[in-house]
Amino acid sequence: MNEVLLAGAIFIFTFALIVTEKIDRTLTALLGGILMIILGVVSQEKAFHAIDWNVIFLLTGMMIIANVLRETGIFQWIAVKAVVWGKGDPFRIIVMLAIVTAIASALLDNVTIVILLAPVTLFVASNLKINPIPYLIIVILASNIGGAATLIGDPPNILIGSAANIDFLTFLANLGPVIIVILIVFIGVLWIWFRGQWSKNQEAMAELEVLDTSTLLTDKNSLRKSAVVMGLVMIGFLVHGVFDLEPATIALGGAVILLLWTQKDVHTVLRDVEWATLFFFIGLFIAVEGLVQVGIIETIGEYLINITGGDLLFTSMLLLWMSALFSGIVDNIPYTATMIPVVQSLEGALPLQPLWWSLALGACLGGNATLVGASANVVVANIATRGGYPISFRLFLRYGVIITVISLVIASFYIWMRYL
C-alpha cells in the first residue's frame, strides 16, 4: 500500500509540474523517473527496460532527416510558392498552407514541421502586410490533424504504434480515411471563418512574383539526395513488416545513409536534434512504469471496465472523448504514455483495435483544443512570441475548441461505422 501511495504521489507531482510548466518539462519528467528508481518503486533494471527505444530512435532518425532537409531551403521555397500559387489571395494562401502543413506533418513528425514552417509563415504574412496570428493558428490546427494520419505524424501515434506493434501501413489504412474527411471539413470551416476577411496586397504580391525562388533552394544537391532517401524511408515504412524491421530501424538507417551520402558535418546535424524532447520521453517512460509496477494502471483499467459495463461502443467513445478532453488540458504526450498501459490492461476483456484508434484520434485531435494541448502548439506559440506576435490562450481557444468538437464528431461516427 505504501508503494502505491508513493508511486501515485510521485506521478501526480511530476504531472502537475509538467502541466504548470514551473520547471522545464524535460527536467520534470527525468526527475519523476529518477525518483521512481531512487525511492524503490521500480528497480533500475526494469526502469531502463521500460524505455521504448523504438520511439526514441524513430524520432531521432526523423529529426536528423528533417534537419538536413531544413538546410536545403525547401520549406521556404514551398511557402513562397504557396503565396504565388495562391495569387496573393490571403484565403487561398491559408488553404494552401493548411494542406502543405497537414501533408508534411503526416510524412514527418508534426513538431518538426511546425518548427520549420512557423518562421516561414511569419515571413510570408509580413510580406503580404497581414496579421500572421490566424495563419500560425491554422498551422497548429493543420499539423495536429495531418499528424494524426500516420504512425510517425504525431508523438502519441509513435507511442501507440510501438506499444501495440502497429505498423505504418496499418496506421495509415485505419486513420488516413477519417483524417482526409476531417481535413476537407476543416478547410470548409476556414472558408466560413476567413473568406473575404482580407483584400489582396497587390504591391506585396508583385514583389514576391519577381522573387527568384530558385535562390531559396540553397543546397539543391542535398535536396535531391534527401528526396531520394525520404522516398526510400517512406517505402521502408510501408513494407517494414515484410522484412521484420521496426520503423525505428528504417528511420535511423535512412538518417545514417543521408549523412554518409551528403557528407554533412555530423556534429552540426546532431546538435540540432531535439534532445530535450527525447529525454522527456525517457523520463516519462520510467515514471509511467512506476505506476505499472505497483498495480495502479491495472486498477484504472478495471475501473474503466466497471464504468462501461464492458460495452465496446461505450468504452471506445468514452476513451475518444476523454482523451480529447485531457489532451486539451495537458500535453497529449504524457497523457497518451499514461493511457497506453491502461488500454493494454483491457486485453481479454475487450477487442483492443477500436480502443487504440479511439486513443490515437482522441489524443491527436484533442491536442487542438487549447494552446497547451500538444507539443506543436507550444512550439508555434513560442516562435510567434519571439517574432512579436504572441498568440493568446483565449484567442486560440475560440478556434481550437470548434475544430476539436467537429473533428471528434466525425471521428466518433467513423469508429462506430467501421469498427463497431
Protein backbone atom coordinates (compact mmCIF):
# COMPACT_ATOMS: atom_id res chain seq x y z
CA MET A 1 0.00 0.00 0.00
CA ASN A 2 2.84 2.38 0.83
CA GLU A 3 4.39 1.74 -2.59
CA VAL A 4 1.08 2.51 -4.29
CA LEU A 5 0.75 5.83 -2.45
CA LEU A 6 4.39 6.70 -3.10
CA ALA A 7 4.18 5.92 -6.84
CA GLY A 8 0.90 7.82 -7.13
CA ALA A 9 2.33 10.84 -5.28
CA ILE A 10 5.48 10.93 -7.45
CA PHE A 11 3.45 10.70 -10.66
CA ILE A 12 0.90 13.34 -9.64
CA PHE A 13 3.76 15.62 -8.57
CA THR A 14 5.51 15.04 -11.92
CA PHE A 15 2.34 15.53 -13.95
CA ALA A 16 1.44 18.71 -12.06
CA LEU A 17 4.85 20.22 -12.77
CA ILE A 18 4.53 19.31 -16.46
CA VAL A 19 1.12 20.99 -16.68
CA THR A 20 2.09 24.15 -14.79
CA GLU A 21 5.47 24.38 -16.56
CA LYS A 22 7.06 25.76 -13.39
CA ILE A 23 10.13 23.71 -14.31
CA ASP A 24 11.23 22.69 -17.78
CA ARG A 25 9.16 19.65 -18.69
CA THR A 26 12.17 17.57 -19.69
CA LEU A 27 13.76 18.08 -16.28
CA THR A 28 10.39 17.35 -14.64
CA ALA A 29 9.95 14.04 -16.48
CA LEU A 30 13.52 12.98 -15.69
CA LEU A 31 13.02 13.96 -12.03
CA GLY A 32 9.87 11.84 -11.85
CA GLY A 33 11.62 8.85 -13.39
CA ILE A 34 14.68 9.16 -11.16
CA LEU A 35 12.51 9.45 -8.03
CA MET A 36 10.71 6.23 -9.02
CA ILE A 37 14.09 4.46 -9.08
CA ILE A 38 15.76 6.08 -6.06
CA LEU A 39 12.73 5.59 -3.80
CA GLY A 40 12.46 1.92 -4.76
CA VAL A 41 9.16 1.98 -6.65
CA VAL A 42 10.81 0.36 -9.68
CA SER A 43 14.21 -1.27 -10.00
CA GLN A 44 16.86 0.33 -12.17
CA GLU A 45 16.84 -2.68 -14.49
CA LYS A 46 13.08 -2.58 -15.03
CA ALA A 47 13.11 1.20 -15.38
CA PHE A 48 15.67 1.13 -18.17
CA HIS A 49 13.88 -1.81 -19.80
CA ALA A 50 10.66 0.26 -19.80
CA ILE A 51 12.21 2.90 -22.08
CA ASP A 52 10.77 2.34 -25.55
CA TRP A 53 13.86 2.69 -27.71
CA ASN A 54 11.80 2.17 -30.83
CA VAL A 55 10.13 5.52 -30.12
CA ILE A 56 13.41 7.24 -29.23
CA PHE A 57 15.30 6.05 -32.30
CA LEU A 58 12.36 6.64 -34.66
CA LEU A 59 12.14 10.25 -33.52
CA THR A 60 15.92 10.66 -33.69
CA GLY A 61 16.12 9.35 -37.24
CA MET A 62 13.29 11.57 -38.50
CA MET A 63 14.75 14.62 -36.72
CA ILE A 64 18.11 14.09 -38.45
CA ILE A 65 16.46 13.76 -41.88
CA ALA A 66 14.34 16.86 -41.22
CA ASN A 67 17.41 18.84 -40.16
CA VAL A 68 19.21 18.03 -43.39
CA LEU A 69 16.08 18.96 -45.36
CA ARG A 70 15.78 22.25 -43.50
CA GLU A 71 19.26 23.33 -44.61
CA THR A 72 18.28 22.93 -48.28
CA GLY A 73 15.72 25.77 -48.11
CA ILE A 74 12.90 23.58 -49.44
CA PHE A 75 10.37 24.73 -46.84
CA GLN A 76 10.99 28.42 -47.57
CA TRP A 77 10.60 27.63 -51.27
CA ILE A 78 7.28 25.85 -50.66
CA ALA A 79 5.96 28.75 -48.59
CA VAL A 80 6.76 31.39 -51.21
CA LYS A 81 5.39 29.14 -53.96
CA ALA A 82 2.17 28.77 -51.94
CA VAL A 83 1.80 32.56 -52.00
CA VAL A 84 2.45 32.72 -55.75
CA TRP A 85 0.10 29.82 -56.49
CA GLY A 86 -2.48 31.45 -54.26
CA LYS A 87 -2.18 34.58 -56.46
CA GLY A 88 -1.89 36.80 -53.42
CA ASP A 89 -5.38 35.90 -52.14
CA PRO A 90 -4.96 35.54 -48.35
CA PHE A 91 -7.70 32.91 -48.12
CA ARG A 92 -6.21 30.79 -50.91
CA ILE A 93 -2.84 31.06 -49.21
CA ILE A 94 -4.39 29.91 -45.92
CA VAL A 95 -5.83 26.84 -47.67
CA MET A 96 -2.52 26.07 -49.38
CA LEU A 97 -0.69 26.48 -46.08
CA ALA A 98 -3.13 24.17 -44.30
CA ILE A 99 -2.79 21.45 -46.94
CA VAL A 100 1.01 21.68 -47.09
CA THR A 101 1.25 21.58 -43.28
CA ALA A 102 -1.12 18.61 -42.96
CA ILE A 103 0.62 16.53 -45.63
CA ALA A 104 4.11 17.36 -44.35
CA SER A 105 3.03 16.56 -40.77
CA ALA A 106 1.90 13.12 -41.88
CA LEU A 107 5.26 12.40 -43.56
CA LEU A 108 7.50 13.86 -40.83
CA ASP A 109 6.54 14.37 -37.20
CA ASN A 110 4.38 17.47 -36.79
CA VAL A 111 6.62 19.08 -34.16
CA THR A 112 9.48 19.16 -36.64
CA ILE A 113 7.20 20.54 -39.36
CA VAL A 114 5.93 23.46 -37.28
CA ILE A 115 9.49 24.31 -36.25
CA LEU A 116 10.29 24.62 -39.95
CA LEU A 117 7.06 26.25 -41.18
CA ALA A 118 6.18 28.72 -38.39
CA PRO A 119 9.09 31.12 -39.13
CA VAL A 120 8.30 30.86 -42.85
CA THR A 121 4.66 31.69 -42.10
CA LEU A 122 5.75 34.83 -40.27
CA PHE A 123 7.89 35.76 -43.28
CA VAL A 124 5.01 35.27 -45.75
CA ALA A 125 2.50 37.22 -43.63
CA SER A 126 4.89 40.12 -43.11
CA ASN A 127 5.49 40.36 -46.87
CA LEU A 128 1.74 40.40 -47.52
CA LYS A 129 1.29 43.04 -44.77
CA ILE A 130 -1.32 40.97 -42.91
CA ASN A 131 -1.68 39.73 -39.33
CA PRO A 132 0.19 36.38 -39.11
CA ILE A 133 -1.60 35.12 -35.98
CA PRO A 134 -4.55 33.43 -37.81
CA TYR A 135 -2.02 31.83 -40.17
CA LEU A 136 0.02 30.50 -37.26
CA ILE A 137 -3.11 29.12 -35.56
CA ILE A 138 -4.02 27.33 -38.79
CA VAL A 139 -0.52 25.85 -38.98
CA ILE A 140 -1.06 24.41 -35.48
CA LEU A 141 -4.52 23.01 -36.24
CA ALA A 142 -3.48 21.53 -39.59
CA SER A 143 -0.34 19.96 -38.13
CA ASN A 144 -2.31 18.11 -35.45
CA ILE A 145 -4.93 16.96 -37.96
CA GLY A 146 -2.38 15.78 -40.54
CA GLY A 147 -0.12 14.25 -37.91
CA ALA A 148 -2.96 12.00 -36.72
CA ALA A 149 -2.99 10.13 -40.04
CA THR A 150 0.24 8.16 -39.73
CA LEU A 151 2.46 6.30 -37.33
CA ILE A 152 5.16 8.97 -37.42
CA GLY A 153 2.98 12.06 -37.71
CA ASP A 154 2.32 12.82 -34.06
CA PRO A 155 4.20 11.64 -30.94
CA PRO A 156 1.09 9.96 -29.42
CA ASN A 157 0.83 7.78 -32.55
CA ILE A 158 4.51 6.84 -32.29
CA LEU A 159 3.92 5.76 -28.69
CA ILE A 160 0.78 3.79 -29.55
CA GLY A 161 2.28 2.15 -32.63
CA SER A 162 5.32 0.95 -30.74
CA ALA A 163 3.37 -0.31 -27.71
CA ALA A 164 0.67 -2.06 -29.77
CA ASN A 165 3.03 -3.25 -32.53
CA ILE A 166 1.03 -1.43 -35.21
CA ASP A 167 2.92 -0.83 -38.44
CA PHE A 168 2.93 2.29 -40.63
CA LEU A 169 0.63 0.90 -43.33
CA THR A 170 -1.96 -0.29 -40.80
CA PHE A 171 -1.98 3.13 -39.15
CA LEU A 172 -2.40 4.86 -42.49
CA ALA A 173 -5.13 2.48 -43.68
CA ASN A 174 -7.16 2.90 -40.49
CA LEU A 175 -6.72 6.60 -39.69
CA GLY A 176 -5.91 8.05 -43.11
CA PRO A 177 -9.51 7.99 -44.44
CA VAL A 178 -11.07 9.78 -41.47
CA ILE A 179 -8.26 12.37 -41.38
CA ILE A 180 -8.85 13.19 -45.07
CA VAL A 181 -12.53 13.82 -44.29
CA ILE A 182 -11.64 15.95 -41.26
CA LEU A 183 -9.13 17.96 -43.31
CA ILE A 184 -11.73 18.67 -46.01
CA VAL A 185 -14.26 19.79 -43.39
CA PHE A 186 -11.52 21.88 -41.73
CA ILE A 187 -10.91 23.73 -45.00
CA GLY A 188 -14.66 24.30 -45.27
CA VAL A 189 -14.67 25.84 -41.81
CA LEU A 190 -11.74 28.07 -42.81
CA TRP A 191 -13.86 29.31 -45.72
CA ILE A 192 -16.61 30.31 -43.27
CA TRP A 193 -14.12 31.99 -40.93
CA PHE A 194 -11.77 33.82 -43.25
CA ARG A 195 -13.14 34.21 -46.79
CA GLY A 196 -13.35 37.88 -47.65
CA GLN A 197 -11.67 38.95 -44.42
CA TRP A 198 -8.58 40.32 -46.18
CA SER A 199 -8.01 42.00 -49.50
CA LYS A 200 -5.08 41.30 -51.80
CA ASN A 201 -1.95 43.35 -51.34
CA GLN A 202 -1.04 43.91 -54.98
CA GLU A 203 2.23 45.70 -54.21
CA ALA A 204 3.49 42.95 -51.92
CA MET A 205 2.36 40.31 -54.38
CA ALA A 206 4.25 42.00 -57.19
CA GLU A 207 7.43 41.87 -55.11
CA LEU A 208 7.01 38.15 -54.42
CA GLU A 209 6.20 37.33 -58.04
CA VAL A 210 9.51 38.75 -59.25
CA LEU A 211 11.43 37.00 -56.46
CA ASP A 212 13.78 34.37 -57.85
CA THR A 213 12.54 31.38 -55.85
CA SER A 214 15.43 29.25 -57.07
CA THR A 215 17.71 31.27 -54.77
CA LEU A 216 15.74 29.95 -51.81
CA LEU A 217 16.99 26.44 -52.56
CA THR A 218 20.41 26.84 -51.01
CA ASP A 219 21.63 23.27 -51.48
CA LYS A 220 19.99 21.53 -54.44
CA ASN A 221 22.41 18.62 -54.35
CA SER A 222 21.49 17.77 -50.76
CA LEU A 223 17.82 18.32 -51.60
CA ARG A 224 17.92 15.70 -54.36
CA LYS A 225 19.68 13.22 -52.09
CA SER A 226 17.27 13.97 -49.22
CA ALA A 227 14.29 13.41 -51.52
CA VAL A 228 15.66 10.02 -52.59
CA VAL A 229 16.35 8.93 -49.00
CA MET A 230 12.99 10.24 -47.77
CA GLY A 231 11.25 8.29 -50.53
CA LEU A 232 13.12 5.12 -49.56
CA VAL A 233 12.27 5.67 -45.88
CA MET A 234 8.57 6.03 -46.76
CA ILE A 235 8.71 2.82 -48.79
CA GLY A 236 10.51 1.18 -45.87
CA PHE A 237 7.72 2.23 -43.51
CA LEU A 238 5.16 0.67 -45.83
CA VAL A 239 6.91 -2.70 -46.13
CA HIS A 240 8.91 -2.93 -42.91
CA GLY A 241 6.73 -5.77 -41.61
CA VAL A 242 7.76 -7.97 -44.55
CA PHE A 243 11.41 -7.67 -43.55
CA ASP A 244 10.70 -7.88 -39.82
CA LEU A 245 12.24 -4.45 -39.18
CA GLU A 246 10.98 -1.82 -36.75
CA PRO A 247 10.17 1.71 -38.05
CA ALA A 248 12.99 2.98 -35.83
CA THR A 249 15.50 0.89 -37.80
CA ILE A 250 14.15 2.30 -41.08
CA ALA A 251 14.28 5.92 -39.87
CA LEU A 252 17.70 5.64 -38.25
CA GLY A 253 19.07 3.73 -41.23
CA GLY A 254 17.78 6.44 -43.57
CA ALA A 255 19.38 9.13 -41.42
CA VAL A 256 22.76 7.37 -41.47
CA ILE A 257 22.62 6.86 -45.25
CA LEU A 258 21.68 10.51 -45.77
CA LEU A 259 24.55 11.75 -43.60
CA LEU A 260 27.01 9.50 -45.41
CA TRP A 261 25.72 10.50 -48.83
CA THR A 262 25.55 14.26 -48.25
CA GLN A 263 28.74 14.29 -46.14
CA LYS A 264 27.15 16.76 -43.73
CA ASP A 265 29.04 17.54 -40.55
CA VAL A 266 27.65 15.01 -38.08
CA HIS A 267 28.26 17.20 -35.04
CA THR A 268 26.34 20.10 -36.57
CA VAL A 269 23.36 17.95 -37.56
CA LEU A 270 23.20 16.15 -34.22
CA ARG A 271 23.44 19.44 -32.35
CA ASP A 272 20.10 20.43 -33.90
CA VAL A 273 18.34 17.22 -32.81
CA GLU A 274 15.67 17.97 -30.20
CA TRP A 275 17.43 16.17 -27.37
CA ALA A 276 15.14 17.76 -24.80
CA THR A 277 12.16 16.02 -26.41
CA LEU A 278 13.92 12.66 -26.46
CA PHE A 279 14.93 12.85 -22.80
CA PHE A 280 11.40 13.97 -21.94
CA PHE A 281 10.16 10.66 -23.36
CA ILE A 282 12.83 8.70 -21.45
CA GLY A 283 11.83 10.22 -18.12
CA LEU A 284 8.15 9.72 -18.89
CA PHE A 285 8.56 6.04 -19.75
CA ILE A 286 10.22 5.40 -16.38
CA ALA A 287 7.63 7.41 -14.44
CA VAL A 288 4.74 5.51 -16.06
CA GLU A 289 6.50 2.19 -15.41
CA GLY A 290 6.36 3.03 -11.70
CA LEU A 291 2.55 3.12 -11.91
CA VAL A 292 2.53 -0.19 -13.76
CA GLN A 293 4.74 -1.90 -11.18
CA VAL A 294 2.53 -1.05 -8.21
CA GLY A 295 -0.72 -2.01 -9.97
CA ILE A 296 -2.27 1.45 -10.36
CA ILE A 297 -2.64 1.08 -14.12
CA GLU A 298 -4.39 -2.28 -13.75
CA THR A 299 -6.81 -0.76 -11.22
CA ILE A 300 -7.65 2.11 -13.60
CA GLY A 301 -8.36 -0.44 -16.35
CA GLU A 302 -10.69 -2.41 -14.11
CA TYR A 303 -12.45 0.80 -13.11
CA LEU A 304 -12.92 1.71 -16.78
CA ILE A 305 -14.50 -1.68 -17.49
CA ASN A 306 -16.84 -1.26 -14.49
CA ILE A 307 -17.98 2.17 -15.70
CA THR A 308 -18.72 1.00 -19.24
CA GLY A 309 -20.01 -2.43 -18.25
CA GLY A 310 -17.63 -3.97 -20.79
CA ASP A 311 -19.57 -2.43 -23.69
CA LEU A 312 -17.13 -1.87 -26.57
CA LEU A 313 -19.04 1.07 -28.09
CA PHE A 314 -19.32 2.87 -24.77
CA THR A 315 -15.68 2.19 -23.91
CA SER A 316 -14.45 3.40 -27.32
CA MET A 317 -16.49 6.61 -27.21
CA LEU A 318 -15.51 7.28 -23.59
CA LEU A 319 -11.84 6.77 -24.45
CA LEU A 320 -12.08 9.01 -27.55
CA TRP A 321 -13.75 11.97 -25.84
CA MET A 322 -11.93 11.56 -22.52
CA SER A 323 -8.60 11.50 -24.39
CA ALA A 324 -9.54 14.68 -26.24
CA LEU A 325 -10.62 16.41 -23.02
CA PHE A 326 -7.46 15.55 -21.09
CA SER A 327 -5.21 16.24 -24.09
CA GLY A 328 -6.69 19.72 -24.20
CA ILE A 329 -5.87 20.28 -20.55
CA VAL A 330 -2.40 18.73 -20.54
CA ASP A 331 0.07 17.91 -23.29
CA ASN A 332 -1.17 14.85 -25.18
CA ILE A 333 2.20 13.08 -24.94
CA PRO A 334 2.24 12.40 -21.17
CA TYR A 335 -1.49 11.62 -21.28
CA THR A 336 -1.01 9.03 -24.03
CA ALA A 337 2.00 7.47 -22.29
CA THR A 338 -0.17 7.04 -19.18
CA MET A 339 -3.17 5.60 -21.03
CA ILE A 340 -1.32 3.05 -23.17
CA PRO A 341 -0.82 0.54 -20.33
CA VAL A 342 -4.47 1.15 -19.29
CA VAL A 343 -5.64 0.03 -22.73
CA GLN A 344 -3.21 -2.90 -22.65
CA SER A 345 -4.72 -3.99 -19.32
CA LEU A 346 -8.10 -4.43 -21.05
CA GLU A 347 -6.78 -7.21 -23.30
CA GLY A 348 -9.00 -10.24 -22.94
CA ALA A 349 -11.95 -8.19 -21.72
CA LEU A 350 -12.41 -6.20 -24.96
CA PRO A 351 -11.04 -6.16 -28.53
CA LEU A 352 -8.20 -3.66 -28.42
CA GLN A 353 -8.12 -2.43 -32.03
CA PRO A 354 -11.04 0.07 -31.76
CA LEU A 355 -9.61 1.28 -28.45
CA TRP A 356 -6.19 2.02 -29.96
CA TRP A 357 -7.78 4.08 -32.74
CA SER A 358 -10.00 5.88 -30.21
CA LEU A 359 -6.98 6.74 -28.09
CA ALA A 360 -4.95 7.91 -31.09
CA LEU A 361 -7.70 10.09 -32.55
CA GLY A 362 -8.71 11.48 -29.17
CA ALA A 363 -5.17 12.38 -28.15
CA CYS A 364 -4.10 13.85 -31.52
CA LEU A 365 -7.30 15.74 -32.33
CA GLY A 366 -7.81 16.81 -28.72
CA GLY A 367 -4.42 18.47 -28.90
CA ASN A 368 -6.12 21.17 -31.00
CA ALA A 369 -8.43 22.26 -28.19
CA THR A 370 -6.04 24.55 -26.33
CA LEU A 371 -2.68 26.23 -26.74
CA VAL A 372 -1.06 23.67 -24.40
CA GLY A 373 -2.79 20.60 -25.83
CA ALA A 374 0.12 19.37 -27.95
CA SER A 375 3.83 19.98 -28.31
CA ALA A 376 3.34 21.54 -31.76
CA ASN A 377 1.05 24.18 -30.22
CA VAL A 378 3.61 25.21 -27.62
CA VAL A 379 6.42 25.33 -30.18
CA VAL A 380 4.47 27.64 -32.53
CA ALA A 381 3.35 29.84 -29.63
CA ASN A 382 6.98 30.31 -28.59
CA ILE A 383 8.08 31.13 -32.15
CA ALA A 384 5.18 33.59 -32.51
CA THR A 385 6.08 35.35 -29.26
CA ARG A 386 9.73 35.66 -30.30
CA GLY A 387 8.54 37.12 -33.60
CA GLY A 388 6.50 39.79 -31.82
CA TYR A 389 3.07 38.21 -32.39
CA PRO A 390 2.02 36.43 -29.17
CA ILE A 391 -0.97 34.09 -29.50
CA SER A 392 -3.30 34.47 -26.53
CA PHE A 393 -4.74 31.36 -24.87
CA ARG A 394 -8.28 32.73 -25.24
CA LEU A 395 -7.91 33.55 -28.94
CA PHE A 396 -6.61 30.08 -29.74
CA LEU A 397 -9.44 28.55 -27.70
CA ARG A 398 -12.02 30.26 -29.92
CA TYR A 399 -10.71 28.41 -32.96
CA GLY A 400 -9.35 25.24 -31.36
CA VAL A 401 -12.44 24.10 -29.47
CA ILE A 402 -14.68 24.39 -32.54
CA ILE A 403 -12.29 22.38 -34.73
CA THR A 404 -11.78 19.80 -31.99
CA VAL A 405 -15.50 19.20 -31.45
CA ILE A 406 -16.18 18.95 -35.20
CA SER A 407 -13.23 16.55 -35.60
CA LEU A 408 -14.37 14.37 -32.71
CA VAL A 409 -17.93 14.11 -34.02
CA ILE A 410 -16.58 12.90 -37.37
CA ALA A 411 -14.14 10.52 -35.62
CA SER A 412 -16.93 9.13 -33.40
CA PHE A 413 -19.10 8.38 -36.42
CA TYR A 414 -16.13 6.80 -38.23
CA ILE A 415 -15.19 4.49 -35.34
CA TRP A 416 -18.81 3.48 -34.83
CA MET A 417 -19.38 2.69 -38.51
CA ARG A 418 -16.06 0.98 -39.22
CA TYR A 419 -15.23 -0.98 -36.05
CA LEU A 420 -18.42 -1.34 -34.04
